[in-house]
Amino acid sequence: GLGMGEEDSASDRSIERTLTMGDTNIMQLPLQQLSQMREQHRKELAENEARYHSMATAMGRYTDSLRSIDMIAKAKEGQKMLVPMTQSLFIPGKLADTEHVTVEIGTGFFVKRTIPDAKAFCERKISTLKAFTERLGESLMAQTANLRQIEQVIQIKVDLIKKQQEEGVAAE
């Protein structure tokens, strides 16, 4: 059987073989470089999480817009309704046109579209955002795994340094 020290060494070699990123064996990197990598990965992960949430929010707005378009399509001209001026301010109004809606096609750019065109626009946006968020979600999982791997190597190295210091103190 393996003695206690031999078992740790075999375990370390096994971990060392598996802890690679691209062509780099991160077990070979100095602690300072690992810390820098960890911070860079944390920053990128936070940025991508914010991007993911932003895309999910936009997808929700387009889904809400689709529901609104459907409601307008079913309504009658002259029907009373509350018109949104901001997210929290609505004013009373009357529906003047059930054939067309105004669609924001970019930041501050609005165009008049038919109901079917407006629905198609929203559905394309939802489809594009859904595909993007799915890819970004996969990327987030990989980035999270990489960050955990870096943190694991840092912990192994810190534990090794502590063990060496303890052995140094015990030898004195």
N, C-alpha and C. Protein backbone atom coordinates (compact mmCIF):
# COMPACT_ATOMS: atom_id res chain seq x y z
N GLY A 1 0.83 -1.19 0.00
CA GLY A 1 0.00 0.00 0.00
C GLY A 1 0.87 1.25 0.00
N LEU A 2 0.23 2.37 -0.28
CA LEU A 2 0.92 3.65 -0.27
C LEU A 2 0.97 4.21 1.14
N GLY A 3 2.12 4.74 1.49
CA GLY A 3 2.23 5.44 2.77
C GLY A 3 1.51 6.77 2.67
N MET A 4 1.31 7.46 3.77
CA MET A 4 0.57 8.72 3.80
C MET A 4 1.17 9.75 2.86
N GLY A 5 2.47 9.94 2.89
CA GLY A 5 3.13 10.92 2.05
C GLY A 5 3.03 10.56 0.58
N GLU A 6 3.17 9.25 0.28
CA GLU A 6 3.09 8.80 -1.11
C GLU A 6 1.69 9.02 -1.67
N GLU A 7 0.67 8.81 -0.85
CA GLU A 7 -0.72 8.99 -1.27
C GLU A 7 -0.96 10.44 -1.65
N ASP A 8 -0.49 11.39 -0.81
CA ASP A 8 -0.63 12.82 -1.10
C ASP A 8 0.06 13.16 -2.41
N SER A 9 1.25 12.61 -2.60
CA SER A 9 2.02 12.90 -3.80
C SER A 9 1.31 12.38 -5.05
N ALA A 10 0.76 11.19 -4.99
CA ALA A 10 0.02 10.63 -6.12
C ALA A 10 -1.21 11.47 -6.41
N SER A 11 -1.88 11.91 -5.36
CA SER A 11 -3.06 12.76 -5.52
C SER A 11 -2.69 14.08 -6.18
N ASP A 12 -1.54 14.67 -5.72
CA ASP A 12 -1.08 15.94 -6.30
C ASP A 12 -0.76 15.78 -7.79
N ARG A 13 -0.12 14.65 -8.15
CA ARG A 13 0.21 14.42 -9.56
C ARG A 13 -1.05 14.27 -10.39
N SER A 14 -2.06 13.61 -9.85
CA SER A 14 -3.33 13.44 -10.55
C SER A 14 -3.99 14.79 -10.77
N ILE A 15 -4.00 15.62 -9.76
CA ILE A 15 -4.58 16.96 -9.88
C ILE A 15 -3.78 17.78 -10.88
N GLU A 16 -2.46 17.68 -10.81
CA GLU A 16 -1.58 18.44 -11.68
C GLU A 16 -1.85 18.10 -13.15
N ARG A 17 -2.13 16.84 -13.44
CA ARG A 17 -2.41 16.44 -14.82
C ARG A 17 -3.71 17.05 -15.33
N THR A 18 -4.68 17.24 -14.44
CA THR A 18 -6.00 17.69 -14.89
C THR A 18 -6.16 19.21 -14.89
N LEU A 19 -5.29 19.95 -14.23
CA LEU A 19 -5.48 21.39 -14.10
C LEU A 19 -4.73 22.14 -15.21
N THR A 20 -5.33 22.14 -16.38
CA THR A 20 -4.75 22.85 -17.50
C THR A 20 -5.80 23.76 -18.10
N MET A 21 -5.34 24.85 -18.68
CA MET A 21 -6.21 25.77 -19.41
C MET A 21 -5.54 26.02 -20.74
N GLY A 22 -6.17 25.57 -21.79
CA GLY A 22 -5.53 25.67 -23.08
C GLY A 22 -4.29 24.80 -23.07
N ASP A 23 -3.16 25.36 -23.37
CA ASP A 23 -1.89 24.62 -23.37
C ASP A 23 -1.12 24.80 -22.07
N THR A 24 -1.69 25.54 -21.12
CA THR A 24 -0.97 25.88 -19.89
C THR A 24 -1.37 24.98 -18.74
N ASN A 25 -0.37 24.37 -18.09
CA ASN A 25 -0.61 23.64 -16.85
C ASN A 25 -0.55 24.69 -15.75
N ILE A 26 -1.71 25.04 -15.19
CA ILE A 26 -1.74 26.15 -14.24
C ILE A 26 -1.09 25.80 -12.90
N MET A 27 -0.84 24.51 -12.65
CA MET A 27 -0.11 24.14 -11.42
C MET A 27 1.32 24.67 -11.47
N GLN A 28 1.83 24.91 -12.68
CA GLN A 28 3.22 25.36 -12.83
C GLN A 28 3.35 26.88 -12.65
N LEU A 29 2.23 27.60 -12.64
CA LEU A 29 2.28 29.07 -12.55
C LEU A 29 2.54 29.53 -11.12
N PRO A 30 3.27 30.64 -10.96
CA PRO A 30 3.49 31.19 -9.62
C PRO A 30 2.16 31.70 -9.02
N LEU A 31 2.12 31.73 -7.71
CA LEU A 31 0.92 32.16 -6.99
C LEU A 31 0.46 33.56 -7.40
N GLN A 32 1.41 34.47 -7.59
CA GLN A 32 1.05 35.84 -7.97
C GLN A 32 0.35 35.85 -9.34
N GLN A 33 0.84 35.10 -10.28
CA GLN A 33 0.23 35.04 -11.60
C GLN A 33 -1.16 34.39 -11.53
N LEU A 34 -1.30 33.38 -10.68
CA LEU A 34 -2.60 32.75 -10.48
C LEU A 34 -3.60 33.74 -9.89
N SER A 35 -3.13 34.55 -8.95
CA SER A 35 -4.01 35.57 -8.35
C SER A 35 -4.47 36.57 -9.40
N GLN A 36 -3.55 36.96 -10.28
CA GLN A 36 -3.92 37.88 -11.36
C GLN A 36 -4.93 37.23 -12.31
N MET A 37 -4.70 35.96 -12.64
CA MET A 37 -5.63 35.22 -13.50
C MET A 37 -7.01 35.16 -12.85
N ARG A 38 -7.02 34.89 -11.53
CA ARG A 38 -8.30 34.79 -10.81
C ARG A 38 -9.06 36.12 -10.90
N GLU A 39 -8.37 37.22 -10.67
CA GLU A 39 -9.03 38.53 -10.73
C GLU A 39 -9.54 38.83 -12.14
N GLN A 40 -8.75 38.49 -13.15
CA GLN A 40 -9.17 38.71 -14.54
C GLN A 40 -10.41 37.86 -14.85
N HIS A 41 -10.40 36.60 -14.41
CA HIS A 41 -11.55 35.73 -14.65
C HIS A 41 -12.79 36.24 -13.90
N ARG A 42 -12.60 36.71 -12.67
CA ARG A 42 -13.74 37.26 -11.91
C ARG A 42 -14.33 38.47 -12.63
N LYS A 43 -13.47 39.34 -13.15
CA LYS A 43 -13.93 40.53 -13.86
C LYS A 43 -14.71 40.15 -15.12
N GLU A 44 -14.14 39.25 -15.92
CA GLU A 44 -14.81 38.80 -17.15
C GLU A 44 -16.13 38.11 -16.84
N LEU A 45 -16.14 37.31 -15.80
CA LEU A 45 -17.35 36.60 -15.40
C LEU A 45 -18.44 37.60 -15.00
N ALA A 46 -18.08 38.61 -14.21
CA ALA A 46 -19.05 39.63 -13.79
C ALA A 46 -19.59 40.40 -14.99
N GLU A 47 -18.71 40.74 -15.92
CA GLU A 47 -19.15 41.46 -17.13
C GLU A 47 -20.12 40.61 -17.95
N ASN A 48 -19.80 39.34 -18.11
CA ASN A 48 -20.67 38.46 -18.89
C ASN A 48 -21.99 38.16 -18.18
N GLU A 49 -21.95 38.09 -16.84
CA GLU A 49 -23.20 37.91 -16.10
C GLU A 49 -24.09 39.13 -16.28
N ALA A 50 -23.51 40.32 -16.23
CA ALA A 50 -24.29 41.55 -16.45
C ALA A 50 -24.86 41.57 -17.87
N ARG A 51 -24.05 41.17 -18.84
CA ARG A 51 -24.50 41.11 -20.24
C ARG A 51 -25.65 40.11 -20.37
N TYR A 52 -25.53 38.96 -19.71
CA TYR A 52 -26.56 37.92 -19.75
C TYR A 52 -27.88 38.45 -19.19
N HIS A 53 -27.80 39.11 -18.03
CA HIS A 53 -29.01 39.65 -17.41
C HIS A 53 -29.63 40.76 -18.27
N SER A 54 -28.80 41.56 -18.89
CA SER A 54 -29.27 42.61 -19.79
C SER A 54 -30.02 42.01 -20.98
N MET A 55 -29.46 40.96 -21.55
CA MET A 55 -30.11 40.28 -22.70
C MET A 55 -31.42 39.64 -22.27
N ALA A 56 -31.43 39.03 -21.10
CA ALA A 56 -32.66 38.40 -20.60
C ALA A 56 -33.73 39.46 -20.35
N THR A 57 -33.34 40.62 -19.83
CA THR A 57 -34.29 41.72 -19.61
C THR A 57 -34.85 42.21 -20.94
N ALA A 58 -33.98 42.37 -21.92
CA ALA A 58 -34.42 42.82 -23.24
C ALA A 58 -35.38 41.81 -23.85
N MET A 59 -35.08 40.52 -23.69
CA MET A 59 -35.96 39.49 -24.22
C MET A 59 -37.34 39.59 -23.56
N GLY A 60 -37.36 39.87 -22.27
CA GLY A 60 -38.63 40.05 -21.55
C GLY A 60 -39.42 41.24 -22.07
N ARG A 61 -38.70 42.34 -22.40
CA ARG A 61 -39.39 43.53 -22.93
C ARG A 61 -40.01 43.23 -24.30
N TYR A 62 -39.28 42.50 -25.15
CA TYR A 62 -39.83 42.16 -26.46
C TYR A 62 -41.02 41.21 -26.33
N THR A 63 -40.97 40.30 -25.36
CA THR A 63 -42.11 39.41 -25.10
C THR A 63 -43.32 40.22 -24.64
N ASP A 64 -43.09 41.19 -23.76
CA ASP A 64 -44.18 42.09 -23.33
C ASP A 64 -44.73 42.87 -24.51
N SER A 65 -43.83 43.33 -25.39
CA SER A 65 -44.27 44.07 -26.57
C SER A 65 -45.14 43.21 -27.47
N LEU A 66 -44.79 41.95 -27.63
CA LEU A 66 -45.62 41.03 -28.44
C LEU A 66 -47.03 40.92 -27.86
N ARG A 67 -47.12 40.80 -26.54
CA ARG A 67 -48.44 40.72 -25.88
C ARG A 67 -49.23 42.01 -26.12
N SER A 68 -48.54 43.14 -26.02
CA SER A 68 -49.21 44.43 -26.25
C SER A 68 -49.70 44.54 -27.68
N ILE A 69 -48.88 44.10 -28.63
CA ILE A 69 -49.28 44.13 -30.05
C ILE A 69 -50.53 43.28 -30.26
N ASP A 70 -50.54 42.10 -29.65
CA ASP A 70 -51.72 41.22 -29.76
C ASP A 70 -52.96 41.89 -29.18
N MET A 71 -52.80 42.58 -28.05
CA MET A 71 -53.95 43.26 -27.44
C MET A 71 -54.46 44.38 -28.34
N ILE A 72 -53.55 45.13 -28.95
CA ILE A 72 -53.95 46.22 -29.85
C ILE A 72 -54.65 45.64 -31.07
N ALA A 73 -54.15 44.53 -31.59
CA ALA A 73 -54.75 43.91 -32.78
C ALA A 73 -56.18 43.46 -32.51
N LYS A 74 -56.48 43.06 -31.27
CA LYS A 74 -57.82 42.58 -30.90
C LYS A 74 -58.76 43.73 -30.49
N ALA A 75 -58.19 44.90 -30.23
CA ALA A 75 -58.99 46.04 -29.73
C ALA A 75 -59.72 46.73 -30.89
N LYS A 76 -60.62 47.65 -30.52
CA LYS A 76 -61.38 48.43 -31.50
C LYS A 76 -60.90 49.88 -31.45
N GLU A 77 -60.93 50.53 -32.61
CA GLU A 77 -60.57 51.95 -32.65
C GLU A 77 -61.50 52.72 -31.72
N GLY A 78 -60.92 53.70 -31.00
CA GLY A 78 -61.70 54.50 -30.06
C GLY A 78 -61.76 53.92 -28.66
N GLN A 79 -61.28 52.68 -28.50
CA GLN A 79 -61.31 52.03 -27.19
C GLN A 79 -60.42 52.80 -26.22
N LYS A 80 -60.92 53.00 -25.00
CA LYS A 80 -60.15 53.70 -23.98
C LYS A 80 -59.08 52.78 -23.43
N MET A 81 -57.93 53.38 -23.15
CA MET A 81 -56.82 52.61 -22.59
C MET A 81 -55.87 53.52 -21.85
N LEU A 82 -54.99 52.94 -21.05
CA LEU A 82 -53.93 53.70 -20.39
C LEU A 82 -52.68 53.62 -21.27
N VAL A 83 -52.11 54.78 -21.55
CA VAL A 83 -50.94 54.87 -22.42
C VAL A 83 -49.70 55.05 -21.54
N PRO A 84 -48.71 54.15 -21.70
CA PRO A 84 -47.50 54.28 -20.87
C PRO A 84 -46.63 55.45 -21.36
N MET A 85 -46.30 56.35 -20.44
CA MET A 85 -45.39 57.46 -20.76
C MET A 85 -43.98 57.13 -20.27
N THR A 86 -43.90 56.47 -19.12
CA THR A 86 -42.65 55.93 -18.58
C THR A 86 -43.00 54.57 -18.02
N GLN A 87 -42.06 53.90 -17.36
CA GLN A 87 -42.35 52.59 -16.78
C GLN A 87 -43.40 52.66 -15.68
N SER A 88 -43.53 53.82 -15.05
CA SER A 88 -44.46 53.92 -13.92
C SER A 88 -45.54 54.98 -14.11
N LEU A 89 -45.54 55.70 -15.23
CA LEU A 89 -46.53 56.75 -15.47
C LEU A 89 -47.38 56.41 -16.68
N PHE A 90 -48.70 56.33 -16.46
CA PHE A 90 -49.66 56.05 -17.53
C PHE A 90 -50.69 57.16 -17.57
N ILE A 91 -51.13 57.52 -18.78
CA ILE A 91 -52.17 58.54 -18.90
C ILE A 91 -53.32 57.95 -19.72
N PRO A 92 -54.55 58.42 -19.46
CA PRO A 92 -55.69 57.89 -20.22
C PRO A 92 -55.61 58.34 -21.68
N GLY A 93 -56.03 57.45 -22.58
CA GLY A 93 -56.06 57.78 -24.00
C GLY A 93 -57.06 56.90 -24.71
N LYS A 94 -57.17 57.12 -26.04
CA LYS A 94 -58.05 56.31 -26.88
C LYS A 94 -57.23 55.73 -28.01
N LEU A 95 -57.55 54.51 -28.36
CA LEU A 95 -56.84 53.83 -29.43
C LEU A 95 -57.30 54.41 -30.77
N ALA A 96 -56.37 54.97 -31.53
CA ALA A 96 -56.71 55.63 -32.80
C ALA A 96 -56.53 54.71 -34.00
N ASP A 97 -55.62 53.73 -33.92
CA ASP A 97 -55.30 52.89 -35.07
C ASP A 97 -54.99 51.49 -34.58
N THR A 98 -55.75 50.50 -35.07
CA THR A 98 -55.50 49.11 -34.68
C THR A 98 -54.75 48.35 -35.77
N GLU A 99 -54.36 49.04 -36.82
CA GLU A 99 -53.65 48.40 -37.93
C GLU A 99 -52.14 48.63 -37.85
N HIS A 100 -51.71 49.70 -37.14
CA HIS A 100 -50.30 50.08 -37.07
C HIS A 100 -49.88 50.34 -35.63
N VAL A 101 -48.60 50.14 -35.38
CA VAL A 101 -48.00 50.50 -34.08
C VAL A 101 -46.67 51.18 -34.36
N THR A 102 -46.17 51.91 -33.37
CA THR A 102 -44.86 52.53 -33.47
C THR A 102 -43.87 51.61 -32.76
N VAL A 103 -42.80 51.28 -33.47
CA VAL A 103 -41.80 50.33 -32.95
C VAL A 103 -40.47 51.05 -32.80
N GLU A 104 -39.83 50.83 -31.66
CA GLU A 104 -38.48 51.36 -31.47
C GLU A 104 -37.51 50.37 -32.11
N ILE A 105 -36.79 50.83 -33.14
CA ILE A 105 -35.87 49.94 -33.85
C ILE A 105 -34.43 50.11 -33.41
N GLY A 106 -34.18 51.07 -32.57
CA GLY A 106 -32.84 51.33 -32.05
C GLY A 106 -32.98 52.40 -30.98
N THR A 107 -31.90 52.78 -30.40
CA THR A 107 -31.96 53.76 -29.33
C THR A 107 -32.54 55.07 -29.82
N GLY A 108 -33.79 55.30 -29.46
CA GLY A 108 -34.45 56.56 -29.81
C GLY A 108 -34.98 56.64 -31.23
N PHE A 109 -34.89 55.56 -32.01
CA PHE A 109 -35.41 55.57 -33.38
C PHE A 109 -36.70 54.77 -33.44
N PHE A 110 -37.77 55.43 -33.90
CA PHE A 110 -39.09 54.80 -33.95
C PHE A 110 -39.61 54.82 -35.38
N VAL A 111 -40.32 53.74 -35.75
CA VAL A 111 -40.95 53.67 -37.07
C VAL A 111 -42.36 53.12 -36.91
N LYS A 112 -43.22 53.53 -37.84
CA LYS A 112 -44.59 53.03 -37.86
C LYS A 112 -44.58 51.71 -38.64
N ARG A 113 -45.16 50.67 -38.06
CA ARG A 113 -45.20 49.34 -38.68
C ARG A 113 -46.62 48.78 -38.63
N THR A 114 -46.90 47.89 -39.57
CA THR A 114 -48.18 47.18 -39.49
C THR A 114 -48.07 46.18 -38.34
N ILE A 115 -49.20 45.72 -37.87
CA ILE A 115 -49.22 44.75 -36.77
C ILE A 115 -48.39 43.51 -37.13
N PRO A 116 -48.60 42.89 -38.31
CA PRO A 116 -47.78 41.70 -38.63
C PRO A 116 -46.28 42.01 -38.71
N ASP A 117 -45.91 43.16 -39.26
CA ASP A 117 -44.49 43.54 -39.33
C ASP A 117 -43.90 43.75 -37.93
N ALA A 118 -44.67 44.38 -37.08
CA ALA A 118 -44.20 44.64 -35.71
C ALA A 118 -44.03 43.32 -34.95
N LYS A 119 -44.98 42.39 -35.13
CA LYS A 119 -44.86 41.08 -34.47
C LYS A 119 -43.62 40.34 -34.98
N ALA A 120 -43.41 40.37 -36.30
CA ALA A 120 -42.25 39.69 -36.88
C ALA A 120 -40.95 40.29 -36.36
N PHE A 121 -40.92 41.62 -36.24
CA PHE A 121 -39.74 42.31 -35.70
C PHE A 121 -39.44 41.83 -34.29
N CYS A 122 -40.46 41.82 -33.43
CA CYS A 122 -40.27 41.38 -32.03
C CYS A 122 -39.86 39.92 -31.96
N GLU A 123 -40.48 39.08 -32.79
CA GLU A 123 -40.13 37.66 -32.78
C GLU A 123 -38.69 37.44 -33.23
N ARG A 124 -38.21 38.20 -34.22
CA ARG A 124 -36.81 38.10 -34.65
C ARG A 124 -35.88 38.51 -33.52
N LYS A 125 -36.22 39.61 -32.85
CA LYS A 125 -35.39 40.08 -31.74
C LYS A 125 -35.34 39.03 -30.63
N ILE A 126 -36.49 38.46 -30.28
CA ILE A 126 -36.54 37.44 -29.23
C ILE A 126 -35.70 36.23 -29.63
N SER A 127 -35.81 35.80 -30.88
CA SER A 127 -35.05 34.65 -31.36
C SER A 127 -33.54 34.93 -31.30
N THR A 128 -33.13 36.10 -31.74
CA THR A 128 -31.72 36.48 -31.71
C THR A 128 -31.21 36.53 -30.27
N LEU A 129 -31.98 37.18 -29.40
CA LEU A 129 -31.57 37.30 -27.99
C LEU A 129 -31.52 35.93 -27.31
N LYS A 130 -32.48 35.07 -27.64
CA LYS A 130 -32.50 33.74 -27.04
C LYS A 130 -31.25 32.96 -27.43
N ALA A 131 -30.89 32.99 -28.72
CA ALA A 131 -29.69 32.29 -29.17
C ALA A 131 -28.45 32.86 -28.49
N PHE A 132 -28.38 34.18 -28.40
CA PHE A 132 -27.23 34.83 -27.76
C PHE A 132 -27.13 34.46 -26.29
N THR A 133 -28.26 34.51 -25.57
CA THR A 133 -28.22 34.19 -24.14
C THR A 133 -27.89 32.73 -23.90
N GLU A 134 -28.31 31.84 -24.82
CA GLU A 134 -27.95 30.42 -24.66
C GLU A 134 -26.44 30.24 -24.81
N ARG A 135 -25.85 30.88 -25.83
CA ARG A 135 -24.39 30.78 -26.02
C ARG A 135 -23.66 31.42 -24.85
N LEU A 136 -24.16 32.56 -24.40
CA LEU A 136 -23.53 33.25 -23.28
C LEU A 136 -23.65 32.42 -22.00
N GLY A 137 -24.78 31.75 -21.82
CA GLY A 137 -24.97 30.87 -20.67
C GLY A 137 -23.95 29.74 -20.65
N GLU A 138 -23.70 29.15 -21.83
CA GLU A 138 -22.69 28.09 -21.93
C GLU A 138 -21.30 28.65 -21.59
N SER A 139 -21.03 29.84 -22.10
CA SER A 139 -19.74 30.49 -21.82
C SER A 139 -19.59 30.78 -20.33
N LEU A 140 -20.68 31.22 -19.69
CA LEU A 140 -20.64 31.51 -18.24
C LEU A 140 -20.32 30.24 -17.45
N MET A 141 -20.90 29.12 -17.86
CA MET A 141 -20.61 27.86 -17.16
C MET A 141 -19.13 27.50 -17.30
N ALA A 142 -18.57 27.67 -18.49
CA ALA A 142 -17.15 27.36 -18.71
C ALA A 142 -16.27 28.32 -17.91
N GLN A 143 -16.62 29.61 -17.91
CA GLN A 143 -15.83 30.59 -17.16
C GLN A 143 -15.88 30.30 -15.67
N THR A 144 -17.05 29.89 -15.18
CA THR A 144 -17.19 29.55 -13.77
C THR A 144 -16.32 28.34 -13.42
N ALA A 145 -16.31 27.35 -14.30
CA ALA A 145 -15.48 26.16 -14.08
C ALA A 145 -14.00 26.54 -14.08
N ASN A 146 -13.58 27.40 -15.01
CA ASN A 146 -12.18 27.85 -15.06
C ASN A 146 -11.81 28.59 -13.77
N LEU A 147 -12.71 29.46 -13.31
CA LEU A 147 -12.44 30.21 -12.08
C LEU A 147 -12.29 29.25 -10.89
N ARG A 148 -13.17 28.27 -10.81
CA ARG A 148 -13.07 27.29 -9.72
C ARG A 148 -11.76 26.53 -9.79
N GLN A 149 -11.34 26.22 -11.02
CA GLN A 149 -10.07 25.50 -11.20
C GLN A 149 -8.89 26.35 -10.72
N ILE A 150 -8.89 27.62 -11.07
CA ILE A 150 -7.82 28.53 -10.63
C ILE A 150 -7.83 28.63 -9.11
N GLU A 151 -9.02 28.79 -8.52
CA GLU A 151 -9.12 28.90 -7.06
C GLU A 151 -8.65 27.61 -6.38
N GLN A 152 -8.95 26.48 -7.01
CA GLN A 152 -8.51 25.20 -6.45
C GLN A 152 -6.98 25.12 -6.44
N VAL A 153 -6.34 25.53 -7.53
CA VAL A 153 -4.88 25.50 -7.61
C VAL A 153 -4.27 26.46 -6.59
N ILE A 154 -4.87 27.65 -6.46
CA ILE A 154 -4.38 28.61 -5.47
C ILE A 154 -4.44 27.99 -4.08
N GLN A 155 -5.56 27.33 -3.76
CA GLN A 155 -5.72 26.71 -2.44
C GLN A 155 -4.68 25.60 -2.23
N ILE A 156 -4.44 24.80 -3.26
CA ILE A 156 -3.43 23.74 -3.16
C ILE A 156 -2.06 24.34 -2.87
N LYS A 157 -1.72 25.40 -3.60
CA LYS A 157 -0.41 26.04 -3.42
C LYS A 157 -0.28 26.69 -2.04
N VAL A 158 -1.35 27.34 -1.58
CA VAL A 158 -1.33 27.97 -0.25
C VAL A 158 -1.18 26.89 0.82
N ASP A 159 -1.92 25.80 0.69
CA ASP A 159 -1.81 24.70 1.65
C ASP A 159 -0.40 24.12 1.66
N LEU A 160 0.19 24.00 0.47
CA LEU A 160 1.55 23.47 0.36
C LEU A 160 2.56 24.40 1.05
N ILE A 161 2.41 25.70 0.86
CA ILE A 161 3.29 26.67 1.52
C ILE A 161 3.15 26.58 3.03
N LYS A 162 1.90 26.49 3.53
CA LYS A 162 1.67 26.36 4.97
C LYS A 162 2.33 25.09 5.51
N LYS A 163 2.16 23.99 4.78
CA LYS A 163 2.73 22.72 5.20
C LYS A 163 4.26 22.81 5.27
N GLN A 164 4.86 23.45 4.24
CA GLN A 164 6.31 23.61 4.21
C GLN A 164 6.78 24.49 5.38
N GLN A 165 6.01 25.53 5.69
CA GLN A 165 6.38 26.42 6.81
C GLN A 165 6.28 25.66 8.13
N GLU A 166 5.22 24.87 8.28
CA GLU A 166 5.05 24.08 9.51
C GLU A 166 6.19 23.08 9.68
N GLU A 167 6.56 22.44 8.57
CA GLU A 167 7.66 21.47 8.62
C GLU A 167 8.97 22.18 8.95
N GLY A 168 9.14 23.39 8.42
CA GLY A 168 10.34 24.18 8.71
C GLY A 168 10.41 24.54 10.18
N VAL A 169 9.29 24.90 10.79
CA VAL A 169 9.23 25.25 12.21
C VAL A 169 9.49 24.01 13.05
N ALA A 170 8.92 22.88 12.64
CA ALA A 170 9.08 21.63 13.40
C ALA A 170 10.54 21.15 13.35
N ALA A 171 11.24 21.43 12.25
CA ALA A 171 12.64 20.99 12.10
C ALA A 171 13.58 21.80 12.98
N GLU A 172 13.18 22.99 13.38
CA GLU A 172 14.07 23.85 14.18
C GLU A 172 14.17 23.43 15.61
